Amino acid sequence: MVQAGRSNIDYTRPHESYFSSIAVVSDVMPDGSLRLDVRATIKTDDGEIILVTYSGVVANNKEIMDRFNNGEVLTSKDGWYFITAPQFTTGSKKYDWVNQIQAVGKMVSIQRGAKIKYDWFIVR
């Protein structure tokens, strides 16, 4: 049984991702779904820093959570509703265009203790 409240979840290890640092917090809703609150920094190949923040919704069910907790690689084809709304902030002149966009995304694949892959799209 999942109890409502706040939890810290480590979905990715920064050294295995594009993020140079990441903090993930989620609120567990009474129905077991998660509300994500993520803050991460990206260091570009040319040394610029971009802050990524996103909220999101993850709808859980017992079968999906059991598979996730057992270390299976899950994909969006497994029926896990895992949606995000990323925003980007930077002081870099080269990448300042990211300050003007809103993105939406969905989980492509995830494995507990390993990494998560998203497809993110700019909303125009």
PDB file of N, CA and C in Angstrom:
ATOM      1  N   MET A   1       0.836  -1.183   0.000  1.00  0.00           N
ATOM      2  CA  MET A   1       0.000   0.000   0.000  1.00  0.00           C
ATOM      3  C   MET A   1       0.877   1.242   0.000  1.00  0.00           C
ATOM      4  N   VAL A   2       0.595   2.197  -0.874  1.00  0.00           N
ATOM      5  CA  VAL A   2       1.331   3.450  -0.950  1.00  0.00           C
ATOM      6  C   VAL A   2       0.612   4.478  -0.103  1.00  0.00           C
ATOM      7  N   GLN A   3       1.368   5.174   0.737  1.00  0.00           N
ATOM      8  CA  GLN A   3       0.768   6.200   1.575  1.00  0.00           C
ATOM      9  C   GLN A   3       1.065   7.572   1.005  1.00  0.00           C
ATOM     10  N   ALA A   4       0.108   8.475   1.144  1.00  0.00           N
ATOM     11  CA  ALA A   4       0.288   9.839   0.671  1.00  0.00           C
ATOM     12  C   ALA A   4       1.394  10.502   1.479  1.00  0.00           C
ATOM     13  N   GLY A   5       2.121  11.383   0.840  1.00  0.00           N
ATOM     14  CA  GLY A   5       3.193  12.108   1.507  1.00  0.00           C
ATOM     15  C   GLY A   5       4.256  12.520   0.526  1.00  0.00           C
ATOM     16  N   ARG A   6       5.392  12.934   1.027  1.00  0.00           N
ATOM     17  CA  ARG A   6       6.497  13.398   0.194  1.00  0.00           C
ATOM     18  C   ARG A   6       7.634  12.390   0.282  1.00  0.00           C
ATOM     19  N   SER A   7       8.253  12.111  -0.865  1.00  0.00           N
ATOM     20  CA  SER A   7       9.396  11.201  -0.859  1.00  0.00           C
ATOM     21  C   SER A   7      10.467  11.715  -1.812  1.00  0.00           C
ATOM     22  N   ASN A   8      11.692  11.324  -1.565  1.00  0.00           N
ATOM     23  CA  ASN A   8      12.795  11.610  -2.463  1.00  0.00           C
ATOM     24  C   ASN A   8      13.033  10.370  -3.304  1.00  0.00           C
ATOM     25  N   ILE A   9      13.153  10.556  -4.594  1.00  0.00           N
ATOM     26  CA  ILE A   9      13.341   9.432  -5.490  1.00  0.00           C
ATOM     27  C   ILE A   9      14.570   9.696  -6.344  1.00  0.00           C
ATOM     28  N   ASP A  10      15.480   8.752  -6.409  1.00  0.00           N
ATOM     29  CA  ASP A  10      16.676   8.886  -7.228  1.00  0.00           C
ATOM     30  C   ASP A  10      16.455   8.102  -8.516  1.00  0.00           C
ATOM     31  N   TYR A  11      15.977   8.764  -9.552  1.00  0.00           N
ATOM     32  CA  TYR A  11      15.712   8.084 -10.812  1.00  0.00           C
ATOM     33  C   TYR A  11      16.958   7.952 -11.673  1.00  0.00           C
ATOM     34  N   THR A  12      17.950   8.770 -11.423  1.00  0.00           N
ATOM     35  CA  THR A  12      19.127   8.738 -12.281  1.00  0.00           C
ATOM     36  C   THR A  12      20.367   9.110 -11.491  1.00  0.00           C
ATOM     37  N   ARG A  13      21.462   8.562 -11.871  1.00  0.00           N
ATOM     38  CA  ARG A  13      22.730   8.959 -11.278  1.00  0.00           C
ATOM     39  C   ARG A  13      23.371   9.952 -12.237  1.00  0.00           C
ATOM     40  N   PRO A  14      23.721  11.156 -11.776  1.00  0.00           N
ATOM     41  CA  PRO A  14      24.205  12.201 -12.672  1.00  0.00           C
ATOM     42  C   PRO A  14      25.366  11.786 -13.565  1.00  0.00           C
ATOM     43  N   HIS A  15      26.277  10.948 -13.102  1.00  0.00           N
ATOM     44  CA  HIS A  15      27.423  10.584 -13.933  1.00  0.00           C
ATOM     45  C   HIS A  15      27.033   9.709 -15.122  1.00  0.00           C
ATOM     46  N   GLU A  16      25.819   9.221 -15.163  1.00  0.00           N
ATOM     47  CA  GLU A  16      25.361   8.395 -16.276  1.00  0.00           C
ATOM     48  C   GLU A  16      24.344   9.126 -17.141  1.00  0.00           C
ATOM     49  N   SER A  17      24.223  10.428 -16.977  1.00  0.00           N
ATOM     50  CA  SER A  17      23.196  11.157 -17.704  1.00  0.00           C
ATOM     51  C   SER A  17      23.760  12.460 -18.238  1.00  0.00           C
ATOM     52  N   TYR A  18      22.900  13.244 -18.875  1.00  0.00           N
ATOM     53  CA  TYR A  18      23.280  14.568 -19.333  1.00  0.00           C
ATOM     54  C   TYR A  18      23.247  15.576 -18.203  1.00  0.00           C
ATOM     55  N   PHE A  19      22.645  15.221 -17.091  1.00  0.00           N
ATOM     56  CA  PHE A  19      22.544  16.129 -15.960  1.00  0.00           C
ATOM     57  C   PHE A  19      23.841  16.104 -15.157  1.00  0.00           C
ATOM     58  N   SER A  20      24.325  17.293 -14.780  1.00  0.00           N
ATOM     59  CA  SER A  20      25.505  17.335 -13.916  1.00  0.00           C
ATOM     60  C   SER A  20      25.100  17.286 -12.450  1.00  0.00           C
ATOM     61  N   SER A  21      23.863  17.632 -12.143  1.00  0.00           N
ATOM     62  CA  SER A  21      23.317  17.448 -10.800  1.00  0.00           C
ATOM     63  C   SER A  21      21.806  17.316 -10.924  1.00  0.00           C
ATOM     64  N   ILE A  22      21.197  16.647  -9.963  1.00  0.00           N
ATOM     65  CA  ILE A  22      19.754  16.453 -10.044  1.00  0.00           C
ATOM     66  C   ILE A  22      19.174  16.266  -8.647  1.00  0.00           C
ATOM     67  N   ALA A  23      18.009  16.841  -8.438  1.00  0.00           N
ATOM     68  CA  ALA A  23      17.261  16.648  -7.197  1.00  0.00           C
ATOM     69  C   ALA A  23      15.830  16.316  -7.581  1.00  0.00           C
ATOM     70  N   VAL A  24      15.343  15.198  -7.113  1.00  0.00           N
ATOM     71  CA  VAL A  24      13.993  14.743  -7.435  1.00  0.00           C
ATOM     72  C   VAL A  24      13.205  14.593  -6.143  1.00  0.00           C
ATOM     73  N   VAL A  25      12.067  15.246  -6.088  1.00  0.00           N
ATOM     74  CA  VAL A  25      11.155  15.111  -4.959  1.00  0.00           C
ATOM     75  C   VAL A  25       9.788  14.802  -5.546  1.00  0.00           C
ATOM     76  N   SER A  26       9.053  13.961  -4.878  1.00  0.00           N
ATOM     77  CA  SER A  26       7.705  13.686  -5.354  1.00  0.00           C
ATOM     78  C   SER A  26       6.733  13.703  -4.196  1.00  0.00           C
ATOM     79  N   ASP A  27       5.539  14.137  -4.496  1.00  0.00           N
ATOM     80  CA  ASP A  27       4.432  14.016  -3.560  1.00  0.00           C
ATOM     81  C   ASP A  27       3.658  12.771  -3.957  1.00  0.00           C
ATOM     82  N   VAL A  28       3.396  11.908  -3.001  1.00  0.00           N
ATOM     83  CA  VAL A  28       2.599  10.711  -3.257  1.00  0.00           C
ATOM     84  C   VAL A  28       1.146  11.064  -2.945  1.00  0.00           C
ATOM     85  N   MET A  29       0.306  10.972  -3.947  1.00  0.00           N
ATOM     86  CA  MET A  29      -1.107  11.286  -3.800  1.00  0.00           C
ATOM     87  C   MET A  29      -1.830  10.108  -3.130  1.00  0.00           C
ATOM     88  N   PRO A  30      -3.003  10.360  -2.562  1.00  0.00           N
ATOM     89  CA  PRO A  30      -3.747   9.277  -1.904  1.00  0.00           C
ATOM     90  C   PRO A  30      -4.020   8.070  -2.814  1.00  0.00           C
ATOM     91  N   ASP A  31      -4.119   8.302  -4.129  1.00  0.00           N
ATOM     92  CA  ASP A  31      -4.361   7.184  -5.049  1.00  0.00           C
ATOM     93  C   ASP A  31      -3.082   6.470  -5.469  1.00  0.00           C
ATOM     94  N   GLY A  32      -1.914   6.909  -4.929  1.00  0.00           N
ATOM     95  CA  GLY A  32      -0.643   6.280  -5.258  1.00  0.00           C
ATOM     96  C   GLY A  32       0.107   6.937  -6.401  1.00  0.00           C
ATOM     97  N   SER A  33      -0.514   7.866  -7.104  1.00  0.00           N
ATOM     98  CA  SER A  33       0.192   8.559  -8.181  1.00  0.00           C
ATOM     99  C   SER A  33       1.211   9.525  -7.578  1.00  0.00           C
ATOM    100  N   LEU A  34       2.182   9.907  -8.389  1.00  0.00           N
ATOM    101  CA  LEU A  34       3.233  10.814  -7.945  1.00  0.00           C
ATOM    102  C   LEU A  34       3.119  12.148  -8.666  1.00  0.00           C
ATOM    103  N   ARG A  35       3.423  13.216  -7.954  1.00  0.00           N
ATOM    104  CA  ARG A  35       3.564  14.550  -8.532  1.00  0.00           C
ATOM    105  C   ARG A  35       5.043  14.884  -8.409  1.00  0.00           C
ATOM    106  N   LEU A  36       5.722  15.009  -9.542  1.00  0.00           N
ATOM    107  CA  LEU A  36       7.156  15.240  -9.555  1.00  0.00           C
ATOM    108  C   LEU A  36       7.502  16.712  -9.403  1.00  0.00           C
ATOM    109  N   ASP A  37       8.633  16.962  -8.781  1.00  0.00           N
ATOM    110  CA  ASP A  37       9.231  18.289  -8.667  1.00  0.00           C
ATOM    111  C   ASP A  37      10.733  18.076  -8.838  1.00  0.00           C
ATOM    112  N   VAL A  38      11.253  18.355 -10.029  1.00  0.00           N
ATOM    113  CA  VAL A  38      12.632  18.025 -10.376  1.00  0.00           C
ATOM    114  C   VAL A  38      13.417  19.289 -10.681  1.00  0.00           C
ATOM    115  N   ARG A  39      14.644  19.349 -10.188  1.00  0.00           N
ATOM    116  CA  ARG A  39      15.586  20.433 -10.466  1.00  0.00           C
ATOM    117  C   ARG A  39      16.900  19.784 -10.882  1.00  0.00           C
ATOM    118  N   ALA A  40      17.399  20.166 -12.033  1.00  0.00           N
ATOM    119  CA  ALA A  40      18.639  19.586 -12.533  1.00  0.00           C
ATOM    120  C   ALA A  40      19.437  20.640 -13.284  1.00  0.00           C
ATOM    121  N   THR A  41      20.738  20.435 -13.335  1.00  0.00           N
ATOM    122  CA  THR A  41      21.568  21.295 -14.170  1.00  0.00           C
ATOM    123  C   THR A  41      22.217  20.461 -15.256  1.00  0.00           C
ATOM    124  N   ILE A  42      22.322  21.073 -16.409  1.00  0.00           N
ATOM    125  CA  ILE A  42      22.993  20.468 -17.553  1.00  0.00           C
ATOM    126  C   ILE A  42      24.232  21.304 -17.833  1.00  0.00           C
ATOM    127  N   LYS A  43      25.365  20.660 -17.976  1.00  0.00           N
ATOM    128  CA  LYS A  43      26.568  21.337 -18.432  1.00  0.00           C
ATOM    129  C   LYS A  43      26.764  20.947 -19.886  1.00  0.00           C
ATOM    130  N   THR A  44      26.688  21.943 -20.771  1.00  0.00           N
ATOM    131  CA  THR A  44      26.798  21.675 -22.206  1.00  0.00           C
ATOM    132  C   THR A  44      28.233  21.305 -22.565  1.00  0.00           C
ATOM    133  N   ASP A  45      28.420  20.785 -23.784  1.00  0.00           N
ATOM    134  CA  ASP A  45      29.755  20.403 -24.247  1.00  0.00           C
ATOM    135  C   ASP A  45      30.734  21.575 -24.213  1.00  0.00           C
ATOM    136  N   ASP A  46      30.210  22.797 -24.366  1.00  0.00           N
ATOM    137  CA  ASP A  46      31.083  23.974 -24.368  1.00  0.00           C
ATOM    138  C   ASP A  46      31.111  24.680 -23.008  1.00  0.00           C
ATOM    139  N   GLY A  47      30.646  23.993 -21.947  1.00  0.00           N
ATOM    140  CA  GLY A  47      30.806  24.478 -20.591  1.00  0.00           C
ATOM    141  C   GLY A  47      29.715  25.395 -20.060  1.00  0.00           C
ATOM    142  N   GLU A  48      28.665  25.634 -20.824  1.00  0.00           N
ATOM    143  CA  GLU A  48      27.564  26.476 -20.360  1.00  0.00           C
ATOM    144  C   GLU A  48      26.654  25.668 -19.446  1.00  0.00           C
ATOM    145  N   ILE A  49      25.985  26.362 -18.517  1.00  0.00           N
ATOM    146  CA  ILE A  49      25.091  25.710 -17.559  1.00  0.00           C
ATOM    147  C   ILE A  49      23.645  26.081 -17.864  1.00  0.00           C
ATOM    148  N   ILE A  50      22.776  25.079 -17.895  1.00  0.00           N
ATOM    149  CA  ILE A  50      21.333  25.277 -18.090  1.00  0.00           C
ATOM    150  C   ILE A  50      20.617  24.596 -16.938  1.00  0.00           C
ATOM    151  N   LEU A  51      19.746  25.358 -16.274  1.00  0.00           N
ATOM    152  CA  LEU A  51      18.903  24.802 -15.218  1.00  0.00           C
ATOM    153  C   LEU A  51      17.640  24.235 -15.861  1.00  0.00           C
ATOM    154  N   VAL A  52      17.311  23.013 -15.514  1.00  0.00           N
ATOM    155  CA  VAL A  52      16.084  22.364 -15.981  1.00  0.00           C
ATOM    156  C   VAL A  52      15.208  22.126 -14.764  1.00  0.00           C
ATOM    157  N   THR A  53      13.974  22.609 -14.825  1.00  0.00           N
ATOM    158  CA  THR A  53      13.010  22.323 -13.770  1.00  0.00           C
ATOM    159  C   THR A  53      11.786  21.709 -14.430  1.00  0.00           C
ATOM    160  N   TYR A  54      11.228  20.722 -13.782  1.00  0.00           N
ATOM    161  CA  TYR A  54       9.975  20.204 -14.331  1.00  0.00           C
ATOM    162  C   TYR A  54       9.117  19.569 -13.263  1.00  0.00           C
ATOM    163  N   SER A  55       7.837  19.705 -13.519  1.00  0.00           N
ATOM    164  CA  SER A  55       6.839  18.991 -12.736  1.00  0.00           C
ATOM    165  C   SER A  55       6.352  17.849 -13.614  1.00  0.00           C
ATOM    166  N   GLY A  56       5.567  16.995 -13.029  1.00  0.00           N
ATOM    167  CA  GLY A  56       5.055  15.887 -13.813  1.00  0.00           C
ATOM    168  C   GLY A  56       4.098  15.039 -13.010  1.00  0.00           C
ATOM    169  N   VAL A  57       3.478  14.114 -13.715  1.00  0.00           N
ATOM    170  CA  VAL A  57       2.528  13.182 -13.112  1.00  0.00           C
ATOM    171  C   VAL A  57       2.945  11.770 -13.501  1.00  0.00           C
ATOM    172  N   VAL A  58       3.004  10.899 -12.495  1.00  0.00           N
ATOM    173  CA  VAL A  58       3.291   9.492 -12.726  1.00  0.00           C
ATOM    174  C   VAL A  58       2.153   8.696 -12.110  1.00  0.00           C
ATOM    175  N   ALA A  59       1.374   8.027 -12.947  1.00  0.00           N
ATOM    176  CA  ALA A  59       0.260   7.211 -12.462  1.00  0.00           C
ATOM    177  C   ALA A  59       0.771   5.785 -12.230  1.00  0.00           C
ATOM    178  N   ASN A  60       0.673   5.336 -11.003  1.00  0.00           N
ATOM    179  CA  ASN A  60       1.195   4.021 -10.625  1.00  0.00           C
ATOM    180  C   ASN A  60       0.086   2.983 -10.492  1.00  0.00           C
ATOM    181  N   ASN A  61       0.484   1.738 -10.692  1.00  0.00           N
ATOM    182  CA  ASN A  61      -0.364   0.624 -10.294  1.00  0.00           C
ATOM    183  C   ASN A  61       0.563  -0.454  -9.731  1.00  0.00           C
ATOM    184  N   LYS A  62       0.010  -1.417  -9.036  1.00  0.00           N
ATOM    185  CA  LYS A  62       0.821  -2.403  -8.330  1.00  0.00           C
ATOM    186  C   LYS A  62       1.727  -3.188  -9.270  1.00  0.00           C
ATOM    187  N   GLU A  63       1.221  -3.619 -10.420  1.00  0.00           N
ATOM    188  CA  GLU A  63       2.032  -4.405 -11.349  1.00  0.00           C
ATOM    189  C   GLU A  63       3.237  -3.607 -11.841  1.00  0.00           C
ATOM    190  N   ILE A  64       3.006  -2.367 -12.249  1.00  0.00           N
ATOM    191  CA  ILE A  64       4.097  -1.526 -12.740  1.00  0.00           C
ATOM    192  C   ILE A  64       5.123  -1.283 -11.632  1.00  0.00           C
ATOM    193  N   MET A  65       4.659  -0.945 -10.429  1.00  0.00           N
ATOM    194  CA  MET A  65       5.585  -0.672  -9.336  1.00  0.00           C
ATOM    195  C   MET A  65       6.378  -1.915  -8.934  1.00  0.00           C
ATOM    196  N   ASP A  66       5.753  -3.087  -8.952  1.00  0.00           N
ATOM    197  CA  ASP A  66       6.469  -4.328  -8.653  1.00  0.00           C
ATOM    198  C   ASP A  66       7.582  -4.553  -9.675  1.00  0.00           C
ATOM    199  N   ARG A  67       7.269  -4.359 -10.944  1.00  0.00           N
ATOM    200  CA  ARG A  67       8.271  -4.538 -12.005  1.00  0.00           C
ATOM    201  C   ARG A  67       9.399  -3.524 -11.863  1.00  0.00           C
ATOM    202  N   PHE A  68       9.037  -2.265 -11.570  1.00  0.00           N
ATOM    203  CA  PHE A  68      10.035  -1.221 -11.368  1.00  0.00           C
ATOM    204  C   PHE A  68      10.935  -1.556 -10.180  1.00  0.00           C
ATOM    205  N   ASN A  69      10.332  -1.941  -9.067  1.00  0.00           N
ATOM    206  CA  ASN A  69      11.096  -2.268  -7.862  1.00  0.00           C
ATOM    207  C   ASN A  69      11.965  -3.507  -8.024  1.00  0.00           C
ATOM    208  N   ASN A  70      11.610  -4.397  -8.974  1.00  0.00           N
ATOM    209  CA  ASN A  70      12.418  -5.579  -9.261  1.00  0.00           C
ATOM    210  C   ASN A  70      13.544  -5.290 -10.251  1.00  0.00           C
ATOM    211  N   GLY A  71      13.672  -4.023 -10.684  1.00  0.00           N
ATOM    212  CA  GLY A  71      14.782  -3.631 -11.549  1.00  0.00           C
ATOM    213  C   GLY A  71      14.551  -3.816 -13.028  1.00  0.00           C
ATOM    214  N   GLU A  72      13.317  -4.127 -13.433  1.00  0.00           N
ATOM    215  CA  GLU A  72      13.042  -4.275 -14.866  1.00  0.00           C
ATOM    216  C   GLU A  72      13.175  -2.932 -15.577  1.00  0.00           C
ATOM    217  N   VAL A  73      13.590  -2.994 -16.837  1.00  0.00           N
ATOM    218  CA  VAL A  73      13.551  -1.800 -17.680  1.00  0.00           C
ATOM    219  C   VAL A  73      12.120  -1.668 -18.179  1.00  0.00           C
ATOM    220  N   LEU A  74      11.486  -0.554 -17.853  1.00  0.00           N
ATOM    221  CA  LEU A  74      10.116  -0.300 -18.288  1.00  0.00           C
ATOM    222  C   LEU A  74      10.130   0.749 -19.395  1.00  0.00           C
ATOM    223  N   THR A  75       9.214   0.620 -20.321  1.00  0.00           N
ATOM    224  CA  THR A  75       9.101   1.593 -21.406  1.00  0.00           C
ATOM    225  C   THR A  75       7.686   2.151 -21.436  1.00  0.00           C
ATOM    226  N   SER A  76       7.508   3.178 -22.229  1.00  0.00           N
ATOM    227  CA  SER A  76       6.177   3.769 -22.371  1.00  0.00           C
ATOM    228  C   SER A  76       5.182   2.750 -22.929  1.00  0.00           C
ATOM    229  N   LYS A  77       5.662   1.737 -23.621  1.00  0.00           N
ATOM    230  CA  LYS A  77       4.781   0.694 -24.150  1.00  0.00           C
ATOM    231  C   LYS A  77       4.187  -0.183 -23.045  1.00  0.00           C
ATOM    232  N   ASP A  78       4.760  -0.108 -21.845  1.00  0.00           N
ATOM    233  CA  ASP A  78       4.232  -0.872 -20.709  1.00  0.00           C
ATOM    234  C   ASP A  78       2.991  -0.231 -20.110  1.00  0.00           C
ATOM    235  N   GLY A  79       2.608   0.927 -20.626  1.00  0.00           N
ATOM    236  CA  GLY A  79       1.377   1.567 -20.178  1.00  0.00           C
ATOM    237  C   GLY A  79       1.528   2.446 -18.959  1.00  0.00           C
ATOM    238  N   TRP A  80       2.755   2.813 -18.612  1.00  0.00           N
ATOM    239  CA  TRP A  80       2.977   3.677 -17.453  1.00  0.00           C
ATOM    240  C   TRP A  80       2.791   5.122 -17.867  1.00  0.00           C
ATOM    241  N   TYR A  81       1.793   5.792 -17.293  1.00  0.00           N
ATOM    242  CA  TYR A  81       1.537   7.201 -17.573  1.00  0.00           C
ATOM    243  C   TYR A  81       2.569   8.015 -16.806  1.00  0.00           C
ATOM    244  N   PHE A  82       3.530   8.640 -17.518  1.00  0.00           N
ATOM    245  CA  PHE A  82       4.668   9.321 -16.908  1.00  0.00           C
ATOM    246  C   PHE A  82       4.952  10.545 -17.767  1.00  0.00           C
ATOM    247  N   ILE A  83       4.342  11.674 -17.400  1.00  0.00           N
ATOM    248  CA  ILE A  83       4.357  12.892 -18.222  1.00  0.00           C
ATOM    249  C   ILE A  83       5.051  14.021 -17.466  1.00  0.00           C
ATOM    250  N   THR A  84       5.836  14.824 -18.197  1.00  0.00           N
ATOM    251  CA  THR A  84       6.565  15.943 -17.590  1.00  0.00           C
ATOM    252  C   THR A  84       6.315  17.241 -18.360  1.00  0.00           C
ATOM    253  N   ALA A  85       6.625  18.362 -17.698  1.00  0.00           N
ATOM    254  CA  ALA A  85       6.486  19.695 -18.303  1.00  0.00           C
ATOM    255  C   ALA A  85       7.749  20.513 -18.009  1.00  0.00           C
ATOM    256  N   PRO A  86       8.847  20.265 -18.745  1.00  0.00           N
ATOM    257  CA  PRO A  86      10.116  20.929 -18.469  1.00  0.00           C
ATOM    258  C   PRO A  86      10.162  22.395 -18.891  1.00  0.00           C
ATOM    259  N   GLN A  87      10.907  23.171 -18.093  1.00  0.00           N
ATOM    260  CA  GLN A  87      11.261  24.545 -18.429  1.00  0.00           C
ATOM    261  C   GLN A  87      12.763  24.681 -18.238  1.00  0.00           C
ATOM    262  N   PHE A  88      13.361  25.596 -18.975  1.00  0.00           N
ATOM    263  CA  PHE A  88      14.805  25.750 -18.980  1.00  0.00           C
ATOM    264  C   PHE A  88      15.170  27.198 -18.669  1.00  0.00           C
ATOM    265  N   THR A  89      16.271  27.384 -17.926  1.00  0.00           N
ATOM    266  CA  THR A  89      16.735  28.715 -17.562  1.00  0.00           C
ATOM    267  C   THR A  89      18.249  28.754 -17.678  1.00  0.00           C
ATOM    268  N   THR A  90      18.762  29.803 -18.310  1.00  0.00           N
ATOM    269  CA  THR A  90      20.206  29.974 -18.395  1.00  0.00           C
ATOM    270  C   THR A  90      20.562  31.449 -18.481  1.00  0.00           C
ATOM    271  N   GLY A  91      21.750  31.782 -18.032  1.00  0.00           N
ATOM    272  CA  GLY A  91      22.297  33.119 -18.202  1.00  0.00           C
ATOM    273  C   GLY A  91      23.206  33.190 -19.410  1.00  0.00           C
ATOM    274  N   SER A  92      23.371  32.060 -20.098  1.00  0.00           N
ATOM    275  CA  SER A  92      24.237  31.992 -21.267  1.00  0.00           C
ATOM    276  C   SER A  92      23.624  32.743 -22.441  1.00  0.00           C
ATOM    277  N   LYS A  93      24.400  33.609 -23.047  1.00  0.00           N
ATOM    278  CA  LYS A  93      23.932  34.316 -24.260  1.00  0.00           C
ATOM    279  C   LYS A  93      23.747  33.330 -25.416  1.00  0.00           C
ATOM    280  N   LYS A  94      24.609  32.341 -25.489  1.00  0.00           N
ATOM    281  CA  LYS A  94      24.549  31.371 -26.586  1.00  0.00           C
ATOM    282  C   LYS A  94      23.265  30.543 -26.554  1.00  0.00           C
ATOM    283  N   TYR A  95      22.799  30.207 -25.350  1.00  0.00           N
ATOM    284  CA  TYR A  95      21.633  29.341 -25.207  1.00  0.00           C
ATOM    285  C   TYR A  95      20.421  30.060 -24.631  1.00  0.00           C
ATOM    286  N   ASP A  96      20.408  31.400 -24.702  1.00  0.00           N
ATOM    287  CA  ASP A  96      19.308  32.141 -24.067  1.00  0.00           C
ATOM    288  C   ASP A  96      17.947  31.862 -24.697  1.00  0.00           C
ATOM    289  N   TRP A  97      17.922  31.269 -25.883  1.00  0.00           N
ATOM    290  CA  TRP A  97      16.658  30.909 -26.523  1.00  0.00           C
ATOM    291  C   TRP A  97      15.868  29.900 -25.684  1.00  0.00           C
ATOM    292  N   VAL A  98      16.570  29.109 -24.837  1.00  0.00           N
ATOM    293  CA  VAL A  98      15.849  28.117 -24.029  1.00  0.00           C
ATOM    294  C   VAL A  98      15.003  28.772 -22.948  1.00  0.00           C
ATOM    295  N   ASN A  99      15.312  30.033 -22.598  1.00  0.00           N
ATOM    296  CA  ASN A  99      14.514  30.755 -21.602  1.00  0.00           C
ATOM    297  C   ASN A  99      13.103  31.045 -22.110  1.00  0.00           C
ATOM    298  N   GLN A 100      12.899  30.917 -23.414  1.00  0.00           N
ATOM    299  CA  GLN A 100      11.636  31.303 -24.039  1.00  0.00           C
ATOM    300  C   GLN A 100      10.766  30.126 -24.456  1.00  0.00           C
ATOM    301  N   ILE A 101      11.092  28.935 -24.008  1.00  0.00           N
ATOM    302  CA  ILE A 101      10.315  27.771 -24.457  1.00  0.00           C
ATOM    303  C   ILE A 101       9.659  27.037 -23.292  1.00  0.00           C
ATOM    304  N   GLN A 102       8.572  26.370 -23.616  1.00  0.00           N
ATOM    305  CA  GLN A 102       7.918  25.419 -22.714  1.00  0.00           C
ATOM    306  C   GLN A 102       7.937  24.080 -23.437  1.00  0.00           C
ATOM    307  N   ALA A 103       8.306  23.051 -22.719  1.00  0.00           N
ATOM    308  CA  ALA A 103       8.330  21.712 -23.307  1.00  0.00           C
ATOM    309  C   ALA A 103       7.331  20.816 -22.589  1.00  0.00           C
ATOM    310  N   VAL A 104       6.984  19.734 -23.230  1.00  0.00           N
ATOM    311  CA  VAL A 104       6.227  18.656 -22.618  1.00  0.00           C
ATOM    312  C   VAL A 104       6.971  17.372 -22.942  1.00  0.00           C
ATOM    313  N   GLY A 105       6.802  16.382 -22.105  1.00  0.00           N
ATOM    314  CA  GLY A 105       7.538  15.157 -22.371  1.00  0.00           C
ATOM    315  C   GLY A 105       6.881  13.938 -21.791  1.00  0.00           C
ATOM    316  N   LYS A 106       7.411  12.797 -22.222  1.00  0.00           N
ATOM    317  CA  LYS A 106       6.938  11.522 -21.699  1.00  0.00           C
ATOM    318  C   LYS A 106       8.142  10.612 -21.487  1.00  0.00           C
ATOM    319  N   MET A 107       7.993   9.729 -20.541  1.00  0.00           N
ATOM    320  CA  MET A 107       9.032   8.751 -20.270  1.00  0.00           C
ATOM    321  C   MET A 107       9.099   7.766 -21.434  1.00  0.00           C
ATOM    322  N   VAL A 108      10.309   7.479 -21.888  1.00  0.00           N
ATOM    323  CA  VAL A 108      10.529   6.475 -22.923  1.00  0.00           C
ATOM    324  C   VAL A 108      10.941   5.156 -22.280  1.00  0.00           C
ATOM    325  N   SER A 109      11.894   5.245 -21.335  1.00  0.00           N
ATOM    326  CA  SER A 109      12.315   4.049 -20.600  1.00  0.00           C
ATOM    327  C   SER A 109      12.876   4.462 -19.248  1.00  0.00           C
ATOM    328  N   ILE A 110      12.783   3.532 -18.309  1.00  0.00           N
ATOM    329  CA  ILE A 110      13.263   3.786 -16.950  1.00  0.00           C
ATOM    330  C   ILE A 110      13.674   2.464 -16.332  1.00  0.00           C
ATOM    331  N   GLN A 111      14.721   2.534 -15.503  1.00  0.00           N
ATOM    332  CA  GLN A 111      15.134   1.386 -14.707  1.00  0.00           C
ATOM    333  C   GLN A 111      15.575   1.900 -13.348  1.00  0.00           C
ATOM    334  N   ARG A 112      15.046   1.306 -12.326  1.00  0.00           N
ATOM    335  CA  ARG A 112      15.361   1.740 -10.951  1.00  0.00           C
ATOM    336  C   ARG A 112      16.867   1.686 -10.721  1.00  0.00           C
ATOM    337  N   GLY A 113      17.390   2.771 -10.166  1.00  0.00           N
ATOM    338  CA  GLY A 113      18.801   2.830  -9.835  1.00  0.00           C
ATOM    339  C   GLY A 113      19.721   3.017 -11.020  1.00  0.00           C
ATOM    340  N   ALA A 114      19.159   3.149 -12.209  1.00  0.00           N
ATOM    341  CA  ALA A 114      20.002   3.305 -13.398  1.00  0.00           C
ATOM    342  C   ALA A 114      19.736   4.665 -14.023  1.00  0.00           C
ATOM    343  N   LYS A 115      18.829   4.721 -14.958  1.00  0.00           N
ATOM    344  CA  LYS A 115      18.548   5.995 -15.613  1.00  0.00           C
ATOM    345  C   LYS A 115      17.151   6.009 -16.195  1.00  0.00           C
ATOM    346  N   ILE A 116      16.756   7.219 -16.553  1.00  0.00           N
ATOM    347  CA  ILE A 116      15.465   7.425 -17.198  1.00  0.00           C
ATOM    348  C   ILE A 116      15.713   8.142 -18.515  1.00  0.00           C
ATOM    349  N   LYS A 117      14.953   7.773 -19.527  1.00  0.00           N
ATOM    350  CA  LYS A 117      15.053   8.428 -20.826  1.00  0.00           C
ATOM    351  C   LYS A 117      13.695   9.046 -21.133  1.00  0.00           C
ATOM    352  N   TYR A 118      13.710  10.311 -21.546  1.00  0.00           N
ATOM    353  CA  TYR A 118      12.503  11.039 -21.912  1.00  0.00           C
ATOM    354  C   TYR A 118      12.534  11.416 -23.385  1.00  0.00           C
ATOM    355  N   ASP A 119      11.381  11.595 -23.959  1.00  0.00           N
ATOM    356  CA  ASP A 119      11.216  12.371 -25.188  1.00  0.00           C
ATOM    357  C   ASP A 119      10.615  13.686 -24.752  1.00  0.00           C
ATOM    358  N   TRP A 120      11.300  14.796 -25.023  1.00  0.00           N
ATOM    359  CA  TRP A 120      10.795  16.126 -24.688  1.00  0.00           C
ATOM    360  C   TRP A 120      10.557  16.885 -25.981  1.00  0.00           C
ATOM    361  N   PHE A 121       9.455  17.632 -26.016  1.00  0.00           N
ATOM    362  CA  PHE A 121       9.034  18.360 -27.213  1.00  0.00           C
ATOM    363  C   PHE A 121       8.762  19.807 -26.862  1.00  0.00           C
ATOM    364  N   ILE A 122       9.204  20.720 -27.713  1.00  0.00           N
ATOM    365  CA  ILE A 122       8.905  22.141 -27.528  1.00  0.00           C
ATOM    366  C   ILE A 122       7.467  22.395 -27.971  1.00  0.00           C
ATOM    367  N   VAL A 123       6.699  23.084 -27.144  1.00  0.00           N
ATOM    368  CA  VAL A 123       5.325  23.444 -27.485  1.00  0.00           C
ATOM    369  C   VAL A 123       5.381  24.769 -28.256  1.00  0.00           C
ATOM    370  N   ARG A 124       4.790  24.781 -29.431  1.00  0.00           N
ATOM    371  CA  ARG A 124       4.789  25.997 -30.260  1.00  0.00           C
ATOM    372  C   ARG A 124       3.374  26.432 -30.516  1.00  0.00           C
TER     373      ARG A 124
END
